[in-house]
Amino acid sequence: MSKTEKDLMDAFAGESQANRKYLAYSQRAEDEFLHGVAKLFRAIAEAETIHAIKHLRTAGLVKSTKENLEDAIAGETHEFKNMYPEMISHAKEEANKSAEISFEYANKVEAYHAQLYKKALADPDKYPVQDYYICKICGYTASKDVPDVCPVCGANTKAFFKV
């Protein structure tokens, strides 16, 4: 990997993390009724997304939809089979219950994400345009209808938002 290719990937990682961090900061500002600051964080988070996507494209890592789906399946599968189980184990060893729950929720949801991507990969041309409902507690992603209770964290219907 050339220095520039490494720099593109480092920049992609940094911009991606900045986006998520600023969105978390925005949520906190909203919780504190600082709506102007919240909107500023959201706006700059969007700008960071533009940077991240440009770096990823420039690195040649945005490919055909089929290749992107295969990559997404591999990534989600790695997370629920390897990454999160190890993290759950570490959290248990260190008696960090909050981290353990966070990792367990993510682990269960990543397995479902992989399933959704596999369905899309089976026939991308016929994959339906539909609404999705995301649980704001754990990230569970439901297609078509909002569940009465989240199958991962037990949250009720009010915890879901539509995408």
N, C-alpha and C. Protein backbone atom coordinates (compact mmCIF):
# COMPACT_ATOMS: atom_id res chain seq x y z
N MET A 1 0.85 -1.17 0.00
CA MET A 1 0.00 0.00 0.00
C MET A 1 0.90 1.24 0.00
N SER A 2 0.61 2.16 -0.89
CA SER A 2 1.40 3.39 -0.96
C SER A 2 1.09 4.31 0.22
N LYS A 3 1.92 5.29 0.42
CA LYS A 3 1.68 6.27 1.48
C LYS A 3 0.36 6.99 1.26
N THR A 4 0.08 7.35 0.01
CA THR A 4 -1.16 8.06 -0.29
C THR A 4 -2.37 7.16 -0.04
N GLU A 5 -2.29 5.88 -0.41
CA GLU A 5 -3.39 4.96 -0.15
C GLU A 5 -3.63 4.82 1.35
N LYS A 6 -2.55 4.72 2.11
CA LYS A 6 -2.68 4.65 3.58
C LYS A 6 -3.29 5.94 4.11
N ASP A 7 -2.84 7.08 3.57
CA ASP A 7 -3.38 8.37 4.00
C ASP A 7 -4.88 8.47 3.70
N LEU A 8 -5.29 7.97 2.53
CA LEU A 8 -6.72 7.99 2.19
C LEU A 8 -7.52 7.17 3.19
N MET A 9 -7.01 6.00 3.57
CA MET A 9 -7.73 5.16 4.52
C MET A 9 -7.73 5.77 5.92
N ASP A 10 -6.61 6.37 6.32
CA ASP A 10 -6.56 7.05 7.62
C ASP A 10 -7.54 8.23 7.64
N ALA A 11 -7.57 8.98 6.54
CA ALA A 11 -8.48 10.13 6.45
C ALA A 11 -9.94 9.66 6.46
N PHE A 12 -10.22 8.56 5.74
CA PHE A 12 -11.57 8.00 5.75
C PHE A 12 -11.98 7.63 7.18
N ALA A 13 -11.10 6.95 7.89
CA ALA A 13 -11.41 6.54 9.27
C ALA A 13 -11.63 7.76 10.16
N GLY A 14 -10.77 8.74 10.04
CA GLY A 14 -10.89 9.93 10.88
C GLY A 14 -12.16 10.71 10.60
N GLU A 15 -12.48 10.90 9.33
CA GLU A 15 -13.70 11.64 8.96
C GLU A 15 -14.94 10.86 9.38
N SER A 16 -14.91 9.54 9.24
CA SER A 16 -16.05 8.70 9.64
C SER A 16 -16.28 8.80 11.14
N GLN A 17 -15.21 8.74 11.90
CA GLN A 17 -15.34 8.85 13.35
C GLN A 17 -15.80 10.24 13.77
N ALA A 18 -15.32 11.26 13.08
CA ALA A 18 -15.77 12.62 13.39
C ALA A 18 -17.27 12.75 13.15
N ASN A 19 -17.76 12.17 12.05
CA ASN A 19 -19.19 12.22 11.76
C ASN A 19 -20.00 11.64 12.91
N ARG A 20 -19.65 10.45 13.34
CA ARG A 20 -20.41 9.79 14.40
C ARG A 20 -20.28 10.54 15.73
N LYS A 21 -19.09 11.01 16.02
CA LYS A 21 -18.86 11.76 17.26
C LYS A 21 -19.71 13.03 17.27
N TYR A 22 -19.72 13.76 16.15
CA TYR A 22 -20.48 15.00 16.10
C TYR A 22 -21.99 14.75 16.18
N LEU A 23 -22.44 13.61 15.63
CA LEU A 23 -23.86 13.28 15.79
C LEU A 23 -24.19 12.97 17.25
N ALA A 24 -23.29 12.30 17.94
CA ALA A 24 -23.49 12.05 19.38
C ALA A 24 -23.50 13.37 20.14
N TYR A 25 -22.60 14.28 19.78
CA TYR A 25 -22.56 15.60 20.42
C TYR A 25 -23.86 16.37 20.14
N SER A 26 -24.38 16.21 18.93
CA SER A 26 -25.63 16.87 18.57
C SER A 26 -26.78 16.36 19.44
N GLN A 27 -26.83 15.06 19.62
CA GLN A 27 -27.88 14.49 20.47
C GLN A 27 -27.79 15.03 21.89
N ARG A 28 -26.57 15.14 22.41
CA ARG A 28 -26.39 15.68 23.76
C ARG A 28 -26.85 17.12 23.83
N ALA A 29 -26.49 17.92 22.81
CA ALA A 29 -26.92 19.31 22.78
C ALA A 29 -28.45 19.41 22.75
N GLU A 30 -29.09 18.52 21.97
CA GLU A 30 -30.56 18.50 21.95
C GLU A 30 -31.11 18.18 23.34
N ASP A 31 -30.50 17.21 24.01
CA ASP A 31 -30.93 16.84 25.37
C ASP A 31 -30.83 18.04 26.32
N GLU A 32 -29.88 18.92 26.05
CA GLU A 32 -29.66 20.11 26.89
C GLU A 32 -30.40 21.33 26.33
N PHE A 33 -31.28 21.11 25.35
CA PHE A 33 -32.09 22.17 24.72
C PHE A 33 -31.24 23.26 24.06
N LEU A 34 -30.06 22.88 23.58
CA LEU A 34 -29.17 23.80 22.87
C LEU A 34 -29.30 23.51 21.38
N HIS A 35 -30.46 23.86 20.83
CA HIS A 35 -30.83 23.47 19.47
C HIS A 35 -29.92 24.08 18.41
N GLY A 36 -29.46 25.29 18.63
CA GLY A 36 -28.55 25.90 17.67
C GLY A 36 -27.23 25.16 17.59
N VAL A 37 -26.69 24.79 18.73
CA VAL A 37 -25.44 24.03 18.76
C VAL A 37 -25.65 22.64 18.18
N ALA A 38 -26.79 22.05 18.49
CA ALA A 38 -27.11 20.72 17.96
C ALA A 38 -27.12 20.75 16.43
N LYS A 39 -27.73 21.77 15.88
CA LYS A 39 -27.80 21.87 14.42
C LYS A 39 -26.41 22.09 13.82
N LEU A 40 -25.58 22.87 14.49
CA LEU A 40 -24.20 23.07 14.03
C LEU A 40 -23.46 21.74 13.98
N PHE A 41 -23.57 20.95 15.05
CA PHE A 41 -22.92 19.63 15.06
C PHE A 41 -23.43 18.75 13.92
N ARG A 42 -24.75 18.76 13.68
CA ARG A 42 -25.31 17.94 12.59
C ARG A 42 -24.79 18.40 11.23
N ALA A 43 -24.72 19.71 11.03
CA ALA A 43 -24.24 20.24 9.75
C ALA A 43 -22.80 19.83 9.49
N ILE A 44 -21.95 19.97 10.48
CA ILE A 44 -20.54 19.62 10.29
C ILE A 44 -20.38 18.11 10.18
N ALA A 45 -21.22 17.35 10.85
CA ALA A 45 -21.20 15.89 10.68
C ALA A 45 -21.48 15.52 9.22
N GLU A 46 -22.41 16.21 8.59
CA GLU A 46 -22.70 15.94 7.18
C GLU A 46 -21.51 16.28 6.30
N ALA A 47 -20.82 17.38 6.61
CA ALA A 47 -19.63 17.75 5.84
C ALA A 47 -18.54 16.69 6.00
N GLU A 48 -18.39 16.15 7.19
CA GLU A 48 -17.40 15.10 7.42
C GLU A 48 -17.75 13.85 6.62
N THR A 49 -19.05 13.57 6.47
CA THR A 49 -19.49 12.44 5.65
C THR A 49 -19.07 12.63 4.20
N ILE A 50 -19.23 13.83 3.69
CA ILE A 50 -18.80 14.12 2.32
C ILE A 50 -17.32 13.83 2.16
N HIS A 51 -16.51 14.27 3.13
CA HIS A 51 -15.07 14.01 3.07
C HIS A 51 -14.79 12.51 3.09
N ALA A 52 -15.43 11.80 4.01
CA ALA A 52 -15.17 10.36 4.16
C ALA A 52 -15.52 9.61 2.87
N ILE A 53 -16.66 9.91 2.29
CA ILE A 53 -17.08 9.21 1.07
C ILE A 53 -16.11 9.52 -0.07
N LYS A 54 -15.70 10.76 -0.18
CA LYS A 54 -14.75 11.13 -1.24
C LYS A 54 -13.45 10.36 -1.08
N HIS A 55 -12.94 10.25 0.14
CA HIS A 55 -11.69 9.50 0.38
C HIS A 55 -11.86 8.02 0.03
N LEU A 56 -12.99 7.42 0.40
CA LEU A 56 -13.24 6.01 0.12
C LEU A 56 -13.33 5.76 -1.38
N ARG A 57 -14.03 6.64 -2.08
CA ARG A 57 -14.14 6.51 -3.55
C ARG A 57 -12.77 6.68 -4.20
N THR A 58 -12.02 7.68 -3.75
CA THR A 58 -10.70 7.94 -4.32
C THR A 58 -9.77 6.75 -4.10
N ALA A 59 -9.95 6.06 -2.98
CA ALA A 59 -9.15 4.86 -2.69
C ALA A 59 -9.59 3.66 -3.54
N GLY A 60 -10.67 3.80 -4.30
CA GLY A 60 -11.15 2.73 -5.16
C GLY A 60 -11.93 1.65 -4.44
N LEU A 61 -12.48 1.99 -3.28
CA LEU A 61 -13.15 0.97 -2.48
C LEU A 61 -14.68 1.01 -2.55
N VAL A 62 -15.22 1.86 -3.40
CA VAL A 62 -16.65 1.83 -3.69
C VAL A 62 -16.76 1.22 -5.07
N LYS A 63 -17.29 0.02 -5.10
CA LYS A 63 -17.29 -0.79 -6.33
C LYS A 63 -18.71 -1.00 -6.83
N SER A 64 -18.95 -2.07 -7.55
CA SER A 64 -20.30 -2.37 -8.01
C SER A 64 -21.18 -2.71 -6.81
N THR A 65 -22.48 -2.60 -6.99
CA THR A 65 -23.39 -2.92 -5.90
C THR A 65 -23.21 -4.36 -5.44
N LYS A 66 -23.04 -5.28 -6.38
CA LYS A 66 -22.82 -6.69 -6.00
C LYS A 66 -21.57 -6.81 -5.14
N GLU A 67 -20.47 -6.20 -5.56
CA GLU A 67 -19.23 -6.26 -4.78
C GLU A 67 -19.39 -5.56 -3.43
N ASN A 68 -20.12 -4.46 -3.41
CA ASN A 68 -20.35 -3.74 -2.16
C ASN A 68 -21.19 -4.57 -1.19
N LEU A 69 -22.20 -5.28 -1.72
CA LEU A 69 -23.00 -6.16 -0.87
C LEU A 69 -22.15 -7.30 -0.31
N GLU A 70 -21.31 -7.89 -1.14
CA GLU A 70 -20.43 -8.96 -0.67
C GLU A 70 -19.49 -8.46 0.42
N ASP A 71 -18.96 -7.26 0.23
CA ASP A 71 -18.09 -6.67 1.24
C ASP A 71 -18.85 -6.39 2.54
N ALA A 72 -20.07 -5.89 2.41
CA ALA A 72 -20.89 -5.60 3.59
C ALA A 72 -21.21 -6.90 4.35
N ILE A 73 -21.54 -7.96 3.63
CA ILE A 73 -21.83 -9.25 4.27
C ILE A 73 -20.60 -9.74 5.02
N ALA A 74 -19.44 -9.64 4.38
CA ALA A 74 -18.20 -10.08 5.03
C ALA A 74 -17.92 -9.26 6.29
N GLY A 75 -18.13 -7.97 6.21
CA GLY A 75 -17.88 -7.11 7.37
C GLY A 75 -18.83 -7.40 8.53
N GLU A 76 -20.13 -7.49 8.22
CA GLU A 76 -21.11 -7.76 9.27
C GLU A 76 -20.87 -9.14 9.88
N THR A 77 -20.55 -10.12 9.04
CA THR A 77 -20.30 -11.48 9.52
C THR A 77 -19.08 -11.52 10.44
N HIS A 78 -18.02 -10.83 10.05
CA HIS A 78 -16.83 -10.74 10.91
C HIS A 78 -17.21 -10.15 12.27
N GLU A 79 -18.02 -9.12 12.25
CA GLU A 79 -18.39 -8.46 13.51
C GLU A 79 -19.14 -9.40 14.44
N PHE A 80 -20.17 -10.12 13.91
CA PHE A 80 -20.96 -10.94 14.84
C PHE A 80 -20.32 -12.29 15.15
N LYS A 81 -19.40 -12.76 14.30
CA LYS A 81 -18.76 -14.05 14.58
C LYS A 81 -17.45 -13.91 15.35
N ASN A 82 -16.74 -12.82 15.15
CA ASN A 82 -15.42 -12.69 15.75
C ASN A 82 -15.25 -11.47 16.65
N MET A 83 -15.49 -10.29 16.08
CA MET A 83 -15.18 -9.05 16.79
C MET A 83 -15.99 -8.89 18.08
N TYR A 84 -17.31 -8.92 17.96
CA TYR A 84 -18.13 -8.68 19.15
C TYR A 84 -18.04 -9.80 20.18
N PRO A 85 -17.99 -11.07 19.80
CA PRO A 85 -17.82 -12.10 20.85
C PRO A 85 -16.56 -11.87 21.70
N GLU A 86 -15.47 -11.46 21.06
CA GLU A 86 -14.25 -11.19 21.81
C GLU A 86 -14.44 -9.97 22.72
N MET A 87 -15.11 -8.95 22.22
CA MET A 87 -15.35 -7.75 23.02
C MET A 87 -16.28 -8.05 24.19
N ILE A 88 -17.29 -8.89 23.96
CA ILE A 88 -18.20 -9.29 25.04
C ILE A 88 -17.41 -10.02 26.12
N SER A 89 -16.52 -10.90 25.71
CA SER A 89 -15.69 -11.63 26.66
C SER A 89 -14.84 -10.69 27.50
N HIS A 90 -14.23 -9.69 26.85
CA HIS A 90 -13.41 -8.72 27.58
C HIS A 90 -14.25 -7.94 28.59
N ALA A 91 -15.43 -7.51 28.16
CA ALA A 91 -16.30 -6.75 29.05
C ALA A 91 -16.71 -7.58 30.27
N LYS A 92 -16.99 -8.86 30.03
CA LYS A 92 -17.35 -9.75 31.14
C LYS A 92 -16.17 -9.91 32.10
N GLU A 93 -14.97 -10.13 31.54
CA GLU A 93 -13.77 -10.27 32.37
C GLU A 93 -13.54 -9.05 33.24
N GLU A 94 -13.84 -7.88 32.70
CA GLU A 94 -13.61 -6.62 33.42
C GLU A 94 -14.84 -6.14 34.17
N ALA A 95 -15.90 -6.97 34.20
CA ALA A 95 -17.15 -6.66 34.89
C ALA A 95 -17.71 -5.30 34.47
N ASN A 96 -17.62 -5.01 33.17
CA ASN A 96 -18.17 -3.77 32.63
C ASN A 96 -19.51 -4.11 31.98
N LYS A 97 -20.56 -4.14 32.79
CA LYS A 97 -21.88 -4.58 32.34
C LYS A 97 -22.43 -3.68 31.23
N SER A 98 -22.22 -2.39 31.33
CA SER A 98 -22.71 -1.47 30.32
C SER A 98 -22.10 -1.77 28.95
N ALA A 99 -20.80 -1.97 28.90
CA ALA A 99 -20.13 -2.30 27.64
C ALA A 99 -20.60 -3.67 27.15
N GLU A 100 -20.75 -4.60 28.07
CA GLU A 100 -21.21 -5.95 27.69
C GLU A 100 -22.57 -5.88 26.99
N ILE A 101 -23.49 -5.13 27.55
CA ILE A 101 -24.82 -5.00 26.95
C ILE A 101 -24.72 -4.31 25.59
N SER A 102 -23.94 -3.25 25.51
CA SER A 102 -23.76 -2.53 24.25
C SER A 102 -23.22 -3.47 23.17
N PHE A 103 -22.20 -4.24 23.50
CA PHE A 103 -21.61 -5.19 22.54
C PHE A 103 -22.59 -6.30 22.18
N GLU A 104 -23.34 -6.81 23.18
CA GLU A 104 -24.29 -7.89 22.91
C GLU A 104 -25.40 -7.43 21.97
N TYR A 105 -25.94 -6.23 22.20
CA TYR A 105 -26.96 -5.70 21.30
C TYR A 105 -26.40 -5.59 19.89
N ALA A 106 -25.24 -4.97 19.76
CA ALA A 106 -24.64 -4.78 18.44
C ALA A 106 -24.39 -6.14 17.77
N ASN A 107 -23.90 -7.10 18.53
CA ASN A 107 -23.61 -8.42 17.98
C ASN A 107 -24.87 -9.05 17.37
N LYS A 108 -25.96 -9.02 18.11
CA LYS A 108 -27.20 -9.61 17.61
C LYS A 108 -27.71 -8.88 16.38
N VAL A 109 -27.60 -7.57 16.39
CA VAL A 109 -28.10 -6.78 15.27
C VAL A 109 -27.24 -6.98 14.02
N GLU A 110 -25.93 -7.10 14.18
CA GLU A 110 -25.05 -7.29 13.02
C GLU A 110 -25.39 -8.59 12.28
N ALA A 111 -25.77 -9.63 13.00
CA ALA A 111 -26.17 -10.88 12.36
C ALA A 111 -27.40 -10.65 11.48
N TYR A 112 -28.33 -9.87 11.98
CA TYR A 112 -29.52 -9.57 11.19
C TYR A 112 -29.17 -8.70 9.97
N HIS A 113 -28.27 -7.75 10.15
CA HIS A 113 -27.83 -6.92 9.01
C HIS A 113 -27.25 -7.79 7.91
N ALA A 114 -26.43 -8.77 8.28
CA ALA A 114 -25.85 -9.67 7.29
C ALA A 114 -26.96 -10.41 6.52
N GLN A 115 -28.00 -10.83 7.23
CA GLN A 115 -29.13 -11.50 6.57
C GLN A 115 -29.81 -10.58 5.56
N LEU A 116 -30.03 -9.33 5.95
CA LEU A 116 -30.66 -8.37 5.04
C LEU A 116 -29.82 -8.18 3.79
N TYR A 117 -28.51 -8.04 3.96
CA TYR A 117 -27.63 -7.88 2.80
C TYR A 117 -27.64 -9.12 1.91
N LYS A 118 -27.70 -10.32 2.52
CA LYS A 118 -27.74 -11.55 1.73
C LYS A 118 -29.01 -11.61 0.88
N LYS A 119 -30.13 -11.17 1.45
CA LYS A 119 -31.39 -11.14 0.68
C LYS A 119 -31.25 -10.18 -0.50
N ALA A 120 -30.63 -9.04 -0.27
CA ALA A 120 -30.44 -8.07 -1.36
C ALA A 120 -29.51 -8.61 -2.43
N LEU A 121 -28.47 -9.31 -2.02
CA LEU A 121 -27.50 -9.88 -2.96
C LEU A 121 -28.13 -10.98 -3.82
N ALA A 122 -29.09 -11.71 -3.27
CA ALA A 122 -29.72 -12.81 -4.00
C ALA A 122 -30.36 -12.33 -5.30
N ASP A 123 -30.94 -11.13 -5.28
CA ASP A 123 -31.53 -10.58 -6.51
C ASP A 123 -31.66 -9.07 -6.35
N PRO A 124 -30.56 -8.34 -6.50
CA PRO A 124 -30.58 -6.89 -6.30
C PRO A 124 -31.60 -6.16 -7.18
N ASP A 125 -31.83 -6.67 -8.40
CA ASP A 125 -32.76 -6.01 -9.30
C ASP A 125 -34.21 -6.05 -8.80
N LYS A 126 -34.52 -7.05 -8.03
CA LYS A 126 -35.90 -7.21 -7.54
C LYS A 126 -36.03 -6.89 -6.05
N TYR A 127 -34.95 -6.41 -5.45
CA TYR A 127 -35.03 -6.09 -4.02
C TYR A 127 -35.98 -4.91 -3.85
N PRO A 128 -36.97 -5.05 -2.97
CA PRO A 128 -38.02 -4.03 -2.88
C PRO A 128 -37.56 -2.72 -2.27
N VAL A 129 -38.17 -1.65 -2.76
CA VAL A 129 -38.03 -0.35 -2.12
C VAL A 129 -39.05 -0.36 -0.99
N GLN A 130 -38.57 -0.24 0.24
CA GLN A 130 -39.47 -0.35 1.39
C GLN A 130 -38.95 0.50 2.53
N ASP A 131 -39.80 0.73 3.49
CA ASP A 131 -39.38 1.45 4.68
C ASP A 131 -38.71 0.47 5.64
N TYR A 132 -37.79 1.01 6.43
CA TYR A 132 -37.13 0.26 7.49
C TYR A 132 -37.37 1.01 8.79
N TYR A 133 -37.40 0.26 9.88
CA TYR A 133 -37.61 0.85 11.20
C TYR A 133 -36.44 0.43 12.08
N ILE A 134 -35.77 1.43 12.64
CA ILE A 134 -34.56 1.20 13.42
C ILE A 134 -34.85 1.45 14.89
N CYS A 135 -34.46 0.52 15.73
CA CYS A 135 -34.59 0.70 17.17
C CYS A 135 -33.49 1.64 17.65
N LYS A 136 -33.87 2.74 18.27
CA LYS A 136 -32.87 3.71 18.72
C LYS A 136 -32.13 3.25 19.98
N ILE A 137 -32.56 2.15 20.56
CA ILE A 137 -31.87 1.61 21.73
C ILE A 137 -30.73 0.69 21.32
N CYS A 138 -31.00 -0.22 20.36
CA CYS A 138 -29.99 -1.23 20.01
C CYS A 138 -29.59 -1.26 18.54
N GLY A 139 -30.35 -0.58 17.67
CA GLY A 139 -30.02 -0.58 16.26
C GLY A 139 -30.69 -1.67 15.45
N TYR A 140 -31.54 -2.49 16.09
CA TYR A 140 -32.25 -3.53 15.33
C TYR A 140 -32.94 -2.88 14.15
N THR A 141 -32.89 -3.54 13.01
CA THR A 141 -33.43 -3.00 11.77
C THR A 141 -34.56 -3.90 11.28
N ALA A 142 -35.78 -3.38 11.31
CA ALA A 142 -36.95 -4.14 10.86
C ALA A 142 -37.35 -3.65 9.49
N SER A 143 -37.66 -4.59 8.60
CA SER A 143 -38.15 -4.21 7.28
C SER A 143 -39.67 -4.30 7.28
N LYS A 144 -40.28 -3.39 6.57
CA LYS A 144 -41.72 -3.31 6.35
C LYS A 144 -42.51 -2.78 7.54
N ASP A 145 -42.54 -3.51 8.65
CA ASP A 145 -43.39 -3.13 9.78
C ASP A 145 -42.59 -2.98 11.08
N VAL A 146 -43.10 -2.10 11.94
CA VAL A 146 -42.49 -1.91 13.25
C VAL A 146 -42.94 -3.06 14.15
N PRO A 147 -42.00 -3.75 14.79
CA PRO A 147 -42.42 -4.81 15.72
C PRO A 147 -43.03 -4.20 16.99
N ASP A 148 -43.90 -4.95 17.64
CA ASP A 148 -44.49 -4.48 18.89
C ASP A 148 -43.42 -4.35 19.96
N VAL A 149 -42.47 -5.29 19.92
CA VAL A 149 -41.36 -5.31 20.87
C VAL A 149 -40.09 -5.63 20.10
N CYS A 150 -39.04 -4.89 20.38
CA CYS A 150 -37.76 -5.16 19.71
C CYS A 150 -37.28 -6.55 20.12
N PRO A 151 -36.96 -7.40 19.14
CA PRO A 151 -36.51 -8.75 19.48
C PRO A 151 -35.11 -8.81 20.09
N VAL A 152 -34.37 -7.70 20.04
CA VAL A 152 -33.02 -7.69 20.61
C VAL A 152 -33.03 -7.11 22.02
N CYS A 153 -33.61 -5.93 22.19
CA CYS A 153 -33.49 -5.26 23.50
C CYS A 153 -34.80 -5.15 24.27
N GLY A 154 -35.92 -5.52 23.63
CA GLY A 154 -37.20 -5.49 24.31
C GLY A 154 -37.89 -4.14 24.32
N ALA A 155 -37.34 -3.15 23.62
CA ALA A 155 -37.96 -1.82 23.58
C ALA A 155 -39.31 -1.91 22.87
N ASN A 156 -40.21 -0.98 23.21
CA ASN A 156 -41.52 -0.98 22.58
C ASN A 156 -41.48 -0.21 21.25
N THR A 157 -42.60 -0.19 20.57
CA THR A 157 -42.73 0.41 19.25
C THR A 157 -42.26 1.87 19.22
N LYS A 158 -42.43 2.60 20.29
CA LYS A 158 -42.05 4.02 20.33
C LYS A 158 -40.55 4.23 20.17
N ALA A 159 -39.75 3.19 20.37
CA ALA A 159 -38.29 3.31 20.26
C ALA A 159 -37.81 3.26 18.81
N PHE A 160 -38.71 3.00 17.87
CA PHE A 160 -38.32 2.85 16.47
C PHE A 160 -38.52 4.14 15.68
N PHE A 161 -37.60 4.38 14.75
CA PHE A 161 -37.78 5.49 13.82
C PHE A 161 -37.65 4.95 12.39
N LYS A 162 -38.32 5.63 11.47
CA LYS A 162 -38.41 5.18 10.08
C LYS A 162 -37.28 5.74 9.24
N VAL A 163 -36.73 4.86 8.37
CA VAL A 163 -35.74 5.27 7.38
C VAL A 163 -36.29 4.94 6.01
